[in-house]
Amino acid sequence: DGESCPKKRKYFGEEYETGNVSDEYDMDDDELERYLCKRLDLTNLSDNPLDFWKNNKIEFPVLAKVACQIFSVPATSACVERSFSSAGNIVTKRRTNIKPTQLNNVLFLRSFYSFK
């Protein structure tokens, strides 16, 4: 389309910078701006967002790493199930009035001592 992407502020107070400060960065090298301005062909996009980042990891290396961390989900829920099972073993008929913070403390101590 040839339209340029509108310039956005990078951080609060940018309008007061002189351009001579060493902590400022070049607009042409901003990965996020390049990604936001990129035109995507929606017909070729996969349902899996990790496929996009795998194909574009050379153009957007930092964003690709962040996307992999965000979209990586554990395949099982075994850890959560183990936690519920442990909580069920602690909260018995005799301990029905235990406070949630106290239960968290007991679960933490049990997990801490199991790793030693």
N, C-alpha and C. Protein backbone atom coordinates (compact mmCIF):
# COMPACT_ATOMS: atom_id res chain seq x y z
N ASP A 1 0.81 -1.20 0.00
CA ASP A 1 0.00 0.00 0.00
C ASP A 1 0.86 1.26 0.00
N GLY A 2 2.07 1.18 0.47
CA GLY A 2 2.97 2.32 0.48
C GLY A 2 2.72 3.30 1.60
N GLU A 3 1.75 3.00 2.49
CA GLU A 3 1.47 3.89 3.61
C GLU A 3 2.53 3.68 4.69
N SER A 4 2.95 4.78 5.30
CA SER A 4 3.91 4.64 6.38
C SER A 4 3.15 4.45 7.69
N CYS A 5 3.76 3.69 8.56
CA CYS A 5 3.15 3.42 9.86
C CYS A 5 3.27 4.67 10.73
N PRO A 6 2.22 5.05 11.44
CA PRO A 6 2.32 6.25 12.29
C PRO A 6 3.34 6.04 13.41
N LYS A 7 4.10 7.08 13.72
CA LYS A 7 5.12 7.01 14.75
C LYS A 7 4.46 7.03 16.12
N LYS A 8 4.89 6.13 16.98
CA LYS A 8 4.37 6.05 18.34
C LYS A 8 5.48 6.42 19.32
N ARG A 9 5.08 6.90 20.48
CA ARG A 9 6.06 7.19 21.53
C ARG A 9 6.61 5.89 22.09
N LYS A 10 7.89 5.87 22.31
CA LYS A 10 8.53 4.69 22.87
C LYS A 10 8.43 4.66 24.39
N TYR A 11 8.52 5.80 25.01
CA TYR A 11 8.50 5.86 26.45
C TYR A 11 8.05 7.25 26.88
N PHE A 12 7.63 7.34 28.12
CA PHE A 12 7.17 8.60 28.67
C PHE A 12 8.30 9.62 28.68
N GLY A 13 8.04 10.83 28.23
CA GLY A 13 9.03 11.90 28.24
C GLY A 13 9.90 11.95 27.01
N GLU A 14 9.59 11.17 25.98
CA GLU A 14 10.41 11.14 24.77
C GLU A 14 10.49 12.51 24.10
N GLU A 15 9.40 13.29 24.22
CA GLU A 15 9.39 14.59 23.56
C GLU A 15 10.40 15.56 24.17
N TYR A 16 10.93 15.24 25.36
CA TYR A 16 11.90 16.12 26.01
C TYR A 16 13.35 15.73 25.73
N GLU A 17 13.56 14.63 25.06
CA GLU A 17 14.92 14.18 24.77
C GLU A 17 15.53 15.05 23.66
N THR A 18 16.86 15.19 23.71
CA THR A 18 17.56 16.04 22.75
C THR A 18 18.03 15.28 21.52
N GLY A 19 18.13 13.97 21.62
CA GLY A 19 18.66 13.19 20.52
C GLY A 19 20.14 12.90 20.69
N ASN A 20 20.79 13.49 21.68
CA ASN A 20 22.21 13.29 21.92
C ASN A 20 22.49 12.31 23.06
N VAL A 21 21.47 11.80 23.69
CA VAL A 21 21.65 10.93 24.84
C VAL A 21 21.96 9.52 24.35
N SER A 22 22.91 8.87 24.99
CA SER A 22 23.37 7.57 24.51
C SER A 22 22.37 6.45 24.75
N ASP A 23 21.41 6.63 25.65
CA ASP A 23 20.47 5.55 25.91
C ASP A 23 19.29 5.53 24.94
N GLU A 24 19.24 6.49 24.04
CA GLU A 24 18.19 6.46 23.02
C GLU A 24 18.60 5.47 21.93
N TYR A 25 17.63 4.98 21.17
CA TYR A 25 17.94 4.00 20.15
C TYR A 25 17.39 4.44 18.82
N ASP A 26 17.90 3.82 17.78
CA ASP A 26 17.55 4.18 16.41
C ASP A 26 16.18 3.63 16.05
N MET A 27 15.34 4.45 15.44
CA MET A 27 13.99 4.05 15.06
C MET A 27 14.02 2.93 14.02
N ASP A 28 15.02 2.93 13.13
CA ASP A 28 15.10 1.92 12.08
C ASP A 28 15.43 0.54 12.64
N ASP A 29 16.01 0.47 13.82
CA ASP A 29 16.44 -0.79 14.39
C ASP A 29 15.45 -1.33 15.42
N ASP A 30 14.28 -0.72 15.55
CA ASP A 30 13.31 -1.13 16.55
C ASP A 30 12.49 -2.31 16.02
N GLU A 31 12.72 -3.47 16.63
CA GLU A 31 12.07 -4.70 16.19
C GLU A 31 10.56 -4.65 16.35
N LEU A 32 10.09 -4.11 17.44
CA LEU A 32 8.66 -4.03 17.69
C LEU A 32 7.96 -3.16 16.65
N GLU A 33 8.56 -2.02 16.32
CA GLU A 33 7.96 -1.13 15.31
C GLU A 33 7.92 -1.82 13.95
N ARG A 34 8.99 -2.53 13.60
CA ARG A 34 9.01 -3.24 12.32
C ARG A 34 7.93 -4.31 12.27
N TYR A 35 7.73 -5.01 13.39
CA TYR A 35 6.69 -6.04 13.46
C TYR A 35 5.30 -5.41 13.34
N LEU A 36 5.06 -4.32 14.07
CA LEU A 36 3.75 -3.68 14.03
C LEU A 36 3.42 -3.10 12.67
N CYS A 37 4.43 -2.69 11.92
CA CYS A 37 4.22 -2.11 10.59
C CYS A 37 4.17 -3.17 9.49
N LYS A 38 4.52 -4.40 9.81
CA LYS A 38 4.59 -5.47 8.81
C LYS A 38 3.18 -5.83 8.33
N ARG A 39 3.05 -5.94 7.03
CA ARG A 39 1.79 -6.38 6.42
C ARG A 39 1.81 -7.90 6.31
N LEU A 40 0.80 -8.56 6.82
CA LEU A 40 0.76 -10.02 6.83
C LEU A 40 -0.23 -10.54 5.80
N ASP A 41 0.14 -11.63 5.15
CA ASP A 41 -0.77 -12.30 4.23
C ASP A 41 -1.59 -13.29 5.06
N LEU A 42 -2.82 -12.94 5.34
CA LEU A 42 -3.65 -13.74 6.24
C LEU A 42 -4.04 -15.10 5.66
N THR A 43 -3.94 -15.26 4.35
CA THR A 43 -4.29 -16.54 3.75
C THR A 43 -3.25 -17.62 4.03
N ASN A 44 -2.00 -17.21 4.27
CA ASN A 44 -0.93 -18.17 4.50
C ASN A 44 -0.60 -18.38 5.97
N LEU A 45 -1.34 -17.74 6.87
CA LEU A 45 -1.05 -17.87 8.30
C LEU A 45 -1.58 -19.19 8.85
N SER A 46 -0.78 -19.80 9.69
CA SER A 46 -1.15 -21.05 10.35
C SER A 46 -1.96 -20.73 11.61
N ASP A 47 -2.68 -21.72 12.10
CA ASP A 47 -3.41 -21.56 13.37
C ASP A 47 -2.46 -21.53 14.55
N ASN A 48 -1.28 -22.08 14.38
CA ASN A 48 -0.28 -22.13 15.45
C ASN A 48 0.60 -20.89 15.37
N PRO A 49 0.57 -20.00 16.37
CA PRO A 49 1.40 -18.80 16.32
C PRO A 49 2.90 -19.08 16.33
N LEU A 50 3.29 -20.23 16.87
CA LEU A 50 4.72 -20.55 16.90
C LEU A 50 5.28 -20.79 15.50
N ASP A 51 4.42 -21.20 14.57
CA ASP A 51 4.87 -21.36 13.18
C ASP A 51 5.30 -20.02 12.59
N PHE A 52 4.52 -18.97 12.87
CA PHE A 52 4.87 -17.64 12.37
C PHE A 52 6.23 -17.21 12.92
N TRP A 53 6.43 -17.38 14.22
CA TRP A 53 7.68 -16.93 14.83
C TRP A 53 8.86 -17.78 14.39
N LYS A 54 8.63 -19.05 14.10
CA LYS A 54 9.71 -19.89 13.58
C LYS A 54 10.15 -19.41 12.20
N ASN A 55 9.18 -19.02 11.37
CA ASN A 55 9.49 -18.54 10.02
C ASN A 55 10.08 -17.13 10.01
N ASN A 56 9.85 -16.35 11.05
CA ASN A 56 10.31 -14.96 11.09
C ASN A 56 11.34 -14.70 12.17
N LYS A 57 11.98 -15.75 12.69
CA LYS A 57 12.92 -15.55 13.79
C LYS A 57 14.20 -14.81 13.37
N ILE A 58 14.53 -14.81 12.10
CA ILE A 58 15.71 -14.06 11.65
C ILE A 58 15.39 -12.57 11.58
N GLU A 59 14.18 -12.25 11.13
CA GLU A 59 13.77 -10.85 11.02
C GLU A 59 13.46 -10.25 12.40
N PHE A 60 12.88 -11.05 13.30
CA PHE A 60 12.50 -10.57 14.63
C PHE A 60 13.06 -11.51 15.70
N PRO A 61 14.37 -11.51 15.95
CA PRO A 61 14.94 -12.51 16.87
C PRO A 61 14.49 -12.36 18.32
N VAL A 62 14.40 -11.15 18.82
CA VAL A 62 14.01 -10.95 20.22
C VAL A 62 12.53 -11.27 20.42
N LEU A 63 11.69 -10.78 19.53
CA LEU A 63 10.26 -11.05 19.64
C LEU A 63 9.96 -12.53 19.48
N ALA A 64 10.73 -13.23 18.65
CA ALA A 64 10.53 -14.67 18.47
C ALA A 64 10.83 -15.41 19.77
N LYS A 65 11.88 -15.00 20.47
CA LYS A 65 12.21 -15.65 21.76
C LYS A 65 11.13 -15.39 22.79
N VAL A 66 10.63 -14.16 22.83
CA VAL A 66 9.56 -13.82 23.78
C VAL A 66 8.30 -14.61 23.45
N ALA A 67 7.96 -14.71 22.18
CA ALA A 67 6.77 -15.45 21.76
C ALA A 67 6.87 -16.93 22.13
N CYS A 68 8.06 -17.50 21.97
CA CYS A 68 8.24 -18.91 22.34
C CYS A 68 8.04 -19.12 23.83
N GLN A 69 8.47 -18.18 24.64
CA GLN A 69 8.27 -18.29 26.09
C GLN A 69 6.80 -18.12 26.45
N ILE A 70 6.12 -17.21 25.77
CA ILE A 70 4.71 -16.95 26.09
C ILE A 70 3.82 -18.10 25.63
N PHE A 71 4.06 -18.60 24.42
CA PHE A 71 3.18 -19.62 23.87
C PHE A 71 3.57 -21.03 24.25
N SER A 72 4.62 -21.22 25.03
CA SER A 72 5.00 -22.55 25.48
C SER A 72 4.19 -22.91 26.72
N VAL A 73 3.37 -23.91 26.59
CA VAL A 73 2.49 -24.34 27.68
C VAL A 73 2.84 -25.78 28.03
N PRO A 74 2.90 -26.11 29.30
CA PRO A 74 3.18 -27.50 29.66
C PRO A 74 2.14 -28.44 29.05
N ALA A 75 2.58 -29.60 28.62
CA ALA A 75 1.69 -30.54 27.96
C ALA A 75 0.77 -31.25 28.93
N THR A 76 1.14 -31.32 30.20
CA THR A 76 0.32 -32.02 31.18
C THR A 76 -0.01 -31.11 32.34
N SER A 77 -0.96 -31.55 33.12
CA SER A 77 -1.34 -30.80 34.32
C SER A 77 -0.95 -31.57 35.57
N ALA A 78 0.04 -32.43 35.46
CA ALA A 78 0.44 -33.29 36.58
C ALA A 78 0.88 -32.49 37.80
N CYS A 79 1.57 -31.37 37.57
CA CYS A 79 2.04 -30.56 38.69
C CYS A 79 0.86 -29.99 39.48
N VAL A 80 -0.13 -29.50 38.78
CA VAL A 80 -1.32 -28.94 39.43
C VAL A 80 -2.07 -30.04 40.17
N GLU A 81 -2.20 -31.19 39.53
CA GLU A 81 -2.91 -32.30 40.17
C GLU A 81 -2.19 -32.76 41.43
N ARG A 82 -0.86 -32.76 41.39
CA ARG A 82 -0.08 -33.13 42.57
C ARG A 82 -0.32 -32.15 43.71
N SER A 83 -0.40 -30.86 43.37
CA SER A 83 -0.65 -29.83 44.40
C SER A 83 -2.02 -30.00 45.03
N PHE A 84 -3.05 -30.27 44.22
CA PHE A 84 -4.39 -30.49 44.77
C PHE A 84 -4.43 -31.73 45.65
N SER A 85 -3.71 -32.76 45.22
CA SER A 85 -3.67 -33.99 46.01
C SER A 85 -3.01 -33.74 47.36
N SER A 86 -1.91 -32.99 47.36
CA SER A 86 -1.23 -32.67 48.61
C SER A 86 -2.12 -31.84 49.51
N ALA A 87 -2.83 -30.87 48.93
CA ALA A 87 -3.73 -30.03 49.72
C ALA A 87 -4.85 -30.88 50.30
N GLY A 88 -5.35 -31.84 49.53
CA GLY A 88 -6.40 -32.73 50.04
C GLY A 88 -5.92 -33.60 51.17
N ASN A 89 -4.64 -33.95 51.17
CA ASN A 89 -4.09 -34.75 52.27
C ASN A 89 -3.92 -33.91 53.53
N ILE A 90 -3.75 -32.62 53.38
CA ILE A 90 -3.57 -31.74 54.54
C ILE A 90 -4.92 -31.34 55.13
N VAL A 91 -5.86 -30.97 54.30
CA VAL A 91 -7.18 -30.54 54.77
C VAL A 91 -8.03 -31.79 54.98
N THR A 92 -8.08 -32.23 56.21
CA THR A 92 -8.87 -33.41 56.57
C THR A 92 -10.08 -32.96 57.39
N LYS A 93 -10.85 -33.92 57.87
CA LYS A 93 -12.02 -33.59 58.70
C LYS A 93 -11.61 -32.82 59.96
N ARG A 94 -10.42 -33.10 60.45
CA ARG A 94 -9.97 -32.44 61.69
C ARG A 94 -9.38 -31.06 61.40
N ARG A 95 -9.06 -30.77 60.13
CA ARG A 95 -8.43 -29.48 59.78
C ARG A 95 -9.28 -28.69 58.79
N THR A 96 -10.56 -28.69 58.94
CA THR A 96 -11.41 -27.98 57.99
C THR A 96 -11.35 -26.47 58.14
N ASN A 97 -10.91 -25.98 59.27
CA ASN A 97 -10.86 -24.53 59.51
C ASN A 97 -9.49 -23.92 59.23
N ILE A 98 -8.62 -24.66 58.57
CA ILE A 98 -7.28 -24.13 58.27
C ILE A 98 -7.40 -22.97 57.28
N LYS A 99 -6.68 -21.91 57.54
CA LYS A 99 -6.72 -20.72 56.68
C LYS A 99 -5.93 -20.98 55.40
N PRO A 100 -6.35 -20.36 54.29
CA PRO A 100 -5.62 -20.56 53.02
C PRO A 100 -4.14 -20.20 53.09
N THR A 101 -3.80 -19.14 53.82
CA THR A 101 -2.38 -18.78 53.91
C THR A 101 -1.60 -19.85 54.67
N GLN A 102 -2.22 -20.42 55.69
CA GLN A 102 -1.55 -21.48 56.45
C GLN A 102 -1.39 -22.72 55.58
N LEU A 103 -2.41 -23.02 54.77
CA LEU A 103 -2.32 -24.17 53.86
C LEU A 103 -1.19 -23.95 52.86
N ASN A 104 -1.08 -22.76 52.31
CA ASN A 104 0.01 -22.45 51.38
C ASN A 104 1.37 -22.62 52.05
N ASN A 105 1.47 -22.19 53.30
CA ASN A 105 2.74 -22.34 54.02
C ASN A 105 3.11 -23.81 54.21
N VAL A 106 2.13 -24.63 54.57
CA VAL A 106 2.38 -26.06 54.77
C VAL A 106 2.79 -26.71 53.44
N LEU A 107 2.08 -26.38 52.36
CA LEU A 107 2.42 -26.93 51.05
C LEU A 107 3.82 -26.50 50.61
N PHE A 108 4.16 -25.25 50.87
CA PHE A 108 5.50 -24.77 50.52
C PHE A 108 6.57 -25.53 51.29
N LEU A 109 6.36 -25.68 52.60
CA LEU A 109 7.36 -26.38 53.41
C LEU A 109 7.52 -27.84 52.96
N ARG A 110 6.41 -28.49 52.65
CA ARG A 110 6.49 -29.89 52.18
C ARG A 110 7.27 -29.97 50.87
N SER A 111 6.99 -29.05 49.94
CA SER A 111 7.71 -29.10 48.66
C SER A 111 9.17 -28.74 48.84
N PHE A 112 9.46 -27.82 49.76
CA PHE A 112 10.83 -27.41 50.01
C PHE A 112 11.64 -28.57 50.58
N TYR A 113 11.08 -29.28 51.54
CA TYR A 113 11.80 -30.39 52.16
C TYR A 113 11.89 -31.60 51.24
N SER A 114 10.98 -31.72 50.29
CA SER A 114 11.06 -32.88 49.36
C SER A 114 12.20 -32.69 48.35
N PHE A 115 12.62 -31.45 48.10
CA PHE A 115 13.72 -31.19 47.17
C PHE A 115 15.08 -31.32 47.82
N LYS A 116 15.13 -31.36 49.13
CA LYS A 116 16.44 -31.46 49.82
C LYS A 116 17.01 -32.83 49.76
